[in-house]
């Protein structure tokens, strides 16, 4: 079951992060980016936050399951959708814990 766009919009609204939180459709599901870093995935209308040692204390009470087959376990933050302050704090902490994205290599021009 693919994630509904209304669910994505709800997460964005609840996070309180305005334009800092963006999303991109990937393989029928969505990735959330905070200031250019991937911080979460929306799969089957559930919010999976990227796990990190630095955020373990914020996700200790959340269930964990893989967002897609063969993936590692991710904290499922669905319960935080009704707690916008905690969701906001978790997404910000996750962004700080993630490494900076690698610069993309320039595209090669096709020979004419």
N, C-alpha and C. Protein backbone atom coordinates (compact mmCIF):
# COMPACT_ATOMS: atom_id res chain seq x y z
N UNK A 1 0.84 -1.18 0.00
CA UNK A 1 0.00 0.00 0.00
C UNK A 1 0.89 1.24 0.00
N UNK A 2 0.69 2.10 -0.93
CA UNK A 2 1.50 3.32 -1.02
C UNK A 2 1.00 4.36 -0.02
N UNK A 3 1.89 5.21 0.40
CA UNK A 3 1.57 6.27 1.35
C UNK A 3 0.77 7.35 0.64
N UNK A 4 -0.25 7.84 1.30
CA UNK A 4 -1.10 8.89 0.74
C UNK A 4 -0.46 10.26 0.95
N UNK A 5 -0.62 11.13 -0.05
CA UNK A 5 -0.06 12.47 0.04
C UNK A 5 -0.65 13.24 1.22
N UNK A 6 -1.89 12.99 1.57
CA UNK A 6 -2.49 13.67 2.72
C UNK A 6 -1.74 13.33 4.02
N UNK A 7 -1.21 12.11 4.12
CA UNK A 7 -0.42 11.72 5.29
C UNK A 7 0.89 12.51 5.33
N UNK A 8 1.52 12.67 4.17
CA UNK A 8 2.77 13.45 4.07
C UNK A 8 2.53 14.89 4.50
N UNK A 9 1.46 15.47 4.00
CA UNK A 9 1.12 16.85 4.34
C UNK A 9 0.83 16.99 5.83
N UNK A 10 0.19 16.00 6.42
CA UNK A 10 -0.11 16.03 7.85
C UNK A 10 1.18 16.00 8.67
N UNK A 11 2.11 15.15 8.30
CA UNK A 11 3.40 15.09 9.00
C UNK A 11 4.10 16.44 8.91
N UNK A 12 4.15 17.01 7.72
CA UNK A 12 4.80 18.30 7.53
C UNK A 12 4.16 19.37 8.40
N UNK A 13 2.84 19.37 8.46
CA UNK A 13 2.12 20.34 9.27
C UNK A 13 2.40 20.13 10.76
N UNK A 14 2.33 18.90 11.22
CA UNK A 14 2.53 18.59 12.64
C UNK A 14 3.96 18.88 13.09
N UNK A 15 4.93 18.77 12.19
CA UNK A 15 6.33 18.97 12.57
C UNK A 15 6.64 20.42 12.93
N UNK A 16 5.89 21.36 12.38
CA UNK A 16 6.14 22.77 12.66
C UNK A 16 7.44 23.28 12.06
N UNK A 17 7.99 22.57 11.10
CA UNK A 17 9.29 22.95 10.53
C UNK A 17 9.17 23.72 9.22
N UNK A 18 7.97 24.06 8.83
CA UNK A 18 7.68 24.82 7.62
C UNK A 18 8.51 24.36 6.42
N UNK A 19 9.18 25.29 5.75
CA UNK A 19 9.92 24.99 4.53
C UNK A 19 11.21 24.21 4.76
N UNK A 20 11.63 24.08 6.00
CA UNK A 20 12.86 23.32 6.27
C UNK A 20 12.66 21.83 6.04
N UNK A 21 11.43 21.34 6.21
CA UNK A 21 11.12 19.92 6.02
C UNK A 21 10.51 19.74 4.64
N UNK A 22 11.20 18.99 3.80
CA UNK A 22 10.71 18.72 2.45
C UNK A 22 10.56 17.22 2.28
N UNK A 23 9.91 16.83 1.21
CA UNK A 23 9.74 15.41 0.94
C UNK A 23 9.96 15.13 -0.53
N UNK A 24 10.30 13.89 -0.80
CA UNK A 24 10.54 13.45 -2.18
C UNK A 24 9.98 12.05 -2.32
N UNK A 25 9.24 11.84 -3.39
CA UNK A 25 8.67 10.52 -3.63
C UNK A 25 9.76 9.58 -4.11
N UNK A 26 9.83 8.41 -3.49
CA UNK A 26 10.84 7.43 -3.85
C UNK A 26 10.22 6.04 -3.81
N UNK A 27 10.19 5.36 -4.93
CA UNK A 27 9.71 3.97 -5.00
C UNK A 27 8.28 3.83 -4.47
N UNK A 28 7.45 4.80 -4.72
CA UNK A 28 6.06 4.74 -4.27
C UNK A 28 5.86 5.20 -2.84
N UNK A 29 6.92 5.48 -2.13
CA UNK A 29 6.85 5.98 -0.76
C UNK A 29 7.56 7.34 -0.72
N UNK A 30 7.87 7.84 0.46
CA UNK A 30 8.45 9.18 0.56
C UNK A 30 9.64 9.21 1.53
N UNK A 31 10.58 10.09 1.21
CA UNK A 31 11.67 10.41 2.13
C UNK A 31 11.47 11.85 2.59
N UNK A 32 11.73 12.10 3.87
CA UNK A 32 11.67 13.45 4.42
C UNK A 32 13.09 13.97 4.59
N UNK A 33 13.30 15.21 4.17
CA UNK A 33 14.59 15.88 4.28
C UNK A 33 14.43 17.09 5.18
N UNK A 34 15.34 17.24 6.11
CA UNK A 34 15.38 18.43 6.95
C UNK A 34 16.70 19.13 6.68
N UNK A 35 16.62 20.31 6.15
CA UNK A 35 17.82 21.07 5.77
C UNK A 35 18.75 20.24 4.89
N UNK A 36 18.17 19.47 3.97
CA UNK A 36 18.94 18.69 3.01
C UNK A 36 19.38 17.32 3.46
N UNK A 37 19.11 16.95 4.70
CA UNK A 37 19.49 15.62 5.21
C UNK A 37 18.26 14.73 5.34
N UNK A 38 18.39 13.48 4.94
CA UNK A 38 17.28 12.54 5.11
C UNK A 38 17.13 12.23 6.59
N UNK A 39 15.92 12.46 7.12
CA UNK A 39 15.68 12.22 8.55
C UNK A 39 14.61 11.17 8.80
N UNK A 40 13.78 10.89 7.78
CA UNK A 40 12.68 9.95 8.00
C UNK A 40 12.13 9.46 6.66
N UNK A 41 11.35 8.39 6.77
CA UNK A 41 10.66 7.84 5.60
C UNK A 41 9.19 7.65 5.97
N UNK A 42 8.33 7.83 5.01
CA UNK A 42 6.92 7.50 5.17
C UNK A 42 6.65 6.30 4.29
N UNK A 43 6.27 5.21 4.91
CA UNK A 43 6.00 3.96 4.19
C UNK A 43 4.69 3.38 4.74
N UNK A 44 3.80 3.02 3.85
CA UNK A 44 2.50 2.45 4.24
C UNK A 44 1.80 3.31 5.29
N UNK A 45 1.84 4.62 5.10
CA UNK A 45 1.20 5.58 6.00
C UNK A 45 1.68 5.46 7.44
N UNK A 46 2.97 5.18 7.61
CA UNK A 46 3.63 5.22 8.91
C UNK A 46 4.90 6.04 8.77
N UNK A 47 5.30 6.69 9.85
CA UNK A 47 6.50 7.53 9.85
C UNK A 47 7.66 6.79 10.52
N UNK A 48 8.70 6.53 9.75
CA UNK A 48 9.90 5.83 10.23
C UNK A 48 11.03 6.85 10.31
N UNK A 49 11.53 7.09 11.53
CA UNK A 49 12.60 8.05 11.73
C UNK A 49 13.93 7.32 11.68
N UNK A 50 14.91 7.93 11.00
CA UNK A 50 16.22 7.29 10.90
C UNK A 50 16.80 7.08 12.30
N UNK A 51 17.25 5.88 12.58
CA UNK A 51 17.82 5.61 13.91
C UNK A 51 19.21 6.22 14.05
N UNK A 52 19.52 6.68 15.25
CA UNK A 52 20.84 7.23 15.55
C UNK A 52 21.10 7.08 17.04
N UNK A 53 22.34 6.85 17.40
CA UNK A 53 22.68 6.75 18.83
C UNK A 53 22.29 8.02 19.58
N UNK A 54 22.47 9.17 18.94
CA UNK A 54 22.19 10.45 19.59
C UNK A 54 20.71 10.69 19.85
N UNK A 55 19.84 9.92 19.20
CA UNK A 55 18.40 10.13 19.39
C UNK A 55 17.73 8.95 20.10
N UNK A 56 18.51 8.00 20.51
CA UNK A 56 17.94 6.80 21.15
C UNK A 56 17.07 7.15 22.35
N UNK A 57 17.47 8.13 23.15
CA UNK A 57 16.67 8.51 24.31
C UNK A 57 15.32 9.11 23.92
N UNK A 58 15.23 9.67 22.72
CA UNK A 58 13.98 10.26 22.24
C UNK A 58 13.04 9.23 21.61
N UNK A 59 13.59 8.06 21.27
CA UNK A 59 12.79 7.04 20.60
C UNK A 59 12.63 5.76 21.43
N UNK A 60 13.11 5.79 22.66
CA UNK A 60 13.11 4.58 23.49
C UNK A 60 11.72 3.98 23.69
N UNK A 61 10.69 4.82 23.72
CA UNK A 61 9.33 4.32 23.95
C UNK A 61 8.56 4.04 22.65
N UNK A 62 9.21 4.20 21.51
CA UNK A 62 8.53 3.97 20.23
C UNK A 62 8.74 2.54 19.74
N UNK A 63 7.72 1.97 19.10
CA UNK A 63 7.93 0.64 18.51
C UNK A 63 8.94 0.73 17.37
N UNK A 64 9.53 -0.40 17.04
CA UNK A 64 10.49 -0.44 15.93
C UNK A 64 10.10 -1.55 14.98
N UNK A 65 10.24 -1.25 13.70
CA UNK A 65 10.04 -2.25 12.66
C UNK A 65 10.69 -1.75 11.38
N UNK A 66 10.93 -2.63 10.45
CA UNK A 66 11.57 -2.20 9.20
C UNK A 66 10.56 -1.47 8.31
N UNK A 67 10.97 -0.40 7.66
CA UNK A 67 10.04 0.33 6.78
C UNK A 67 9.74 -0.40 5.47
N UNK A 68 10.61 -1.30 5.09
CA UNK A 68 10.44 -2.09 3.86
C UNK A 68 11.18 -3.40 4.06
N UNK A 69 10.86 -4.41 3.26
CA UNK A 69 11.49 -5.73 3.44
C UNK A 69 13.02 -5.66 3.42
N UNK A 70 13.63 -6.40 4.30
CA UNK A 70 15.10 -6.53 4.42
C UNK A 70 15.78 -5.28 4.98
N UNK A 71 15.03 -4.31 5.44
CA UNK A 71 15.63 -3.10 6.05
C UNK A 71 15.88 -3.36 7.52
N UNK A 72 16.78 -2.55 8.10
CA UNK A 72 17.00 -2.63 9.54
C UNK A 72 15.80 -2.01 10.26
N UNK A 73 15.76 -2.15 11.56
CA UNK A 73 14.66 -1.61 12.35
C UNK A 73 14.78 -0.10 12.47
N UNK A 74 13.64 0.56 12.33
CA UNK A 74 13.55 2.01 12.49
C UNK A 74 12.50 2.31 13.55
N UNK A 75 12.71 3.37 14.34
CA UNK A 75 11.64 3.79 15.26
C UNK A 75 10.44 4.27 14.44
N UNK A 76 9.25 3.82 14.83
CA UNK A 76 8.02 4.23 14.17
C UNK A 76 7.40 5.34 15.00
N UNK A 77 7.35 6.53 14.44
CA UNK A 77 6.95 7.72 15.20
C UNK A 77 5.49 8.11 15.00
N UNK A 78 4.64 7.17 14.64
CA UNK A 78 3.22 7.48 14.44
C UNK A 78 2.58 8.10 15.68
N UNK A 79 2.96 7.63 16.85
CA UNK A 79 2.39 8.16 18.09
C UNK A 79 2.74 9.63 18.31
N UNK A 80 3.83 10.08 17.72
CA UNK A 80 4.26 11.47 17.89
C UNK A 80 3.49 12.44 17.01
N UNK A 81 2.69 11.92 16.09
CA UNK A 81 1.91 12.80 15.23
C UNK A 81 0.86 13.57 16.04
N UNK A 82 0.52 13.06 17.20
CA UNK A 82 -0.38 13.76 18.11
C UNK A 82 0.38 14.53 19.18
N UNK A 83 1.71 14.53 19.08
CA UNK A 83 2.57 15.26 20.02
C UNK A 83 3.57 16.10 19.20
N UNK A 84 3.08 17.18 18.57
CA UNK A 84 3.92 17.94 17.65
C UNK A 84 5.24 18.44 18.25
N UNK A 85 5.26 18.78 19.53
CA UNK A 85 6.51 19.26 20.14
C UNK A 85 7.56 18.16 20.16
N UNK A 86 7.15 16.95 20.51
CA UNK A 86 8.09 15.81 20.52
C UNK A 86 8.54 15.46 19.11
N UNK A 87 7.61 15.50 18.16
CA UNK A 87 7.97 15.22 16.76
C UNK A 87 8.99 16.24 16.27
N UNK A 88 8.74 17.49 16.54
CA UNK A 88 9.64 18.59 16.15
C UNK A 88 11.04 18.35 16.74
N UNK A 89 11.08 18.06 18.04
CA UNK A 89 12.36 17.82 18.72
C UNK A 89 13.09 16.62 18.13
N UNK A 90 12.37 15.53 17.86
CA UNK A 90 13.00 14.33 17.31
C UNK A 90 13.55 14.57 15.91
N UNK A 91 12.81 15.25 15.07
CA UNK A 91 13.30 15.51 13.71
C UNK A 91 14.52 16.42 13.72
N UNK A 92 14.52 17.43 14.58
CA UNK A 92 15.69 18.31 14.69
C UNK A 92 16.91 17.53 15.21
N UNK A 93 16.72 16.71 16.22
CA UNK A 93 17.83 15.92 16.77
C UNK A 93 18.35 14.92 15.74
N UNK A 94 17.45 14.34 14.96
CA UNK A 94 17.87 13.40 13.92
C UNK A 94 18.69 14.11 12.86
N UNK A 95 18.26 15.29 12.47
CA UNK A 95 19.03 16.07 11.48
C UNK A 95 20.44 16.34 11.99
N UNK A 96 20.57 16.72 13.24
CA UNK A 96 21.90 17.00 13.81
C UNK A 96 22.76 15.74 13.85
N UNK A 97 22.15 14.58 14.01
CA UNK A 97 22.89 13.32 14.12
C UNK A 97 23.32 12.75 12.77
N UNK A 98 22.68 13.19 11.70
CA UNK A 98 22.98 12.64 10.37
C UNK A 98 24.18 13.36 9.75
N UNK A 99 25.00 12.63 9.01
CA UNK A 99 26.14 13.27 8.33
C UNK A 99 25.64 14.18 7.21
N UNK A 100 26.46 15.12 6.85
CA UNK A 100 26.14 16.00 5.73
C UNK A 100 26.05 15.17 4.45
N UNK A 101 25.14 15.53 3.56
CA UNK A 101 25.05 14.78 2.31
C UNK A 101 26.33 14.93 1.49
N UNK A 102 26.68 13.87 0.80
CA UNK A 102 27.86 13.92 -0.05
C UNK A 102 27.56 14.78 -1.26
N UNK A 103 28.55 15.60 -1.68
CA UNK A 103 28.31 16.41 -2.87
C UNK A 103 28.14 15.52 -4.09
N UNK A 104 27.22 15.92 -4.96
CA UNK A 104 26.99 15.14 -6.17
C UNK A 104 28.07 15.44 -7.19
N UNK A 105 28.51 14.38 -7.87
CA UNK A 105 29.50 14.55 -8.93
C UNK A 105 28.84 15.27 -10.11
N UNK A 106 29.60 16.12 -10.78
CA UNK A 106 29.02 16.81 -11.94
C UNK A 106 28.64 15.81 -13.02
N UNK A 107 27.56 16.09 -13.71
CA UNK A 107 27.12 15.21 -14.80
C UNK A 107 28.03 15.36 -15.99
N UNK A 108 28.32 14.24 -16.61
CA UNK A 108 29.12 14.27 -17.83
C UNK A 108 28.22 14.61 -18.99
N UNK A 109 28.73 15.43 -19.88
CA UNK A 109 27.95 15.79 -21.06
C UNK A 109 28.07 14.68 -22.10
N UNK A 110 26.98 14.44 -22.77
CA UNK A 110 26.98 13.43 -23.83
C UNK A 110 27.78 13.95 -25.02
N UNK A 111 28.53 13.04 -25.63
CA UNK A 111 29.32 13.40 -26.81
C UNK A 111 28.38 13.62 -27.98
N UNK A 112 28.72 14.59 -28.80
CA UNK A 112 27.87 14.88 -29.97
C UNK A 112 28.54 14.43 -31.22
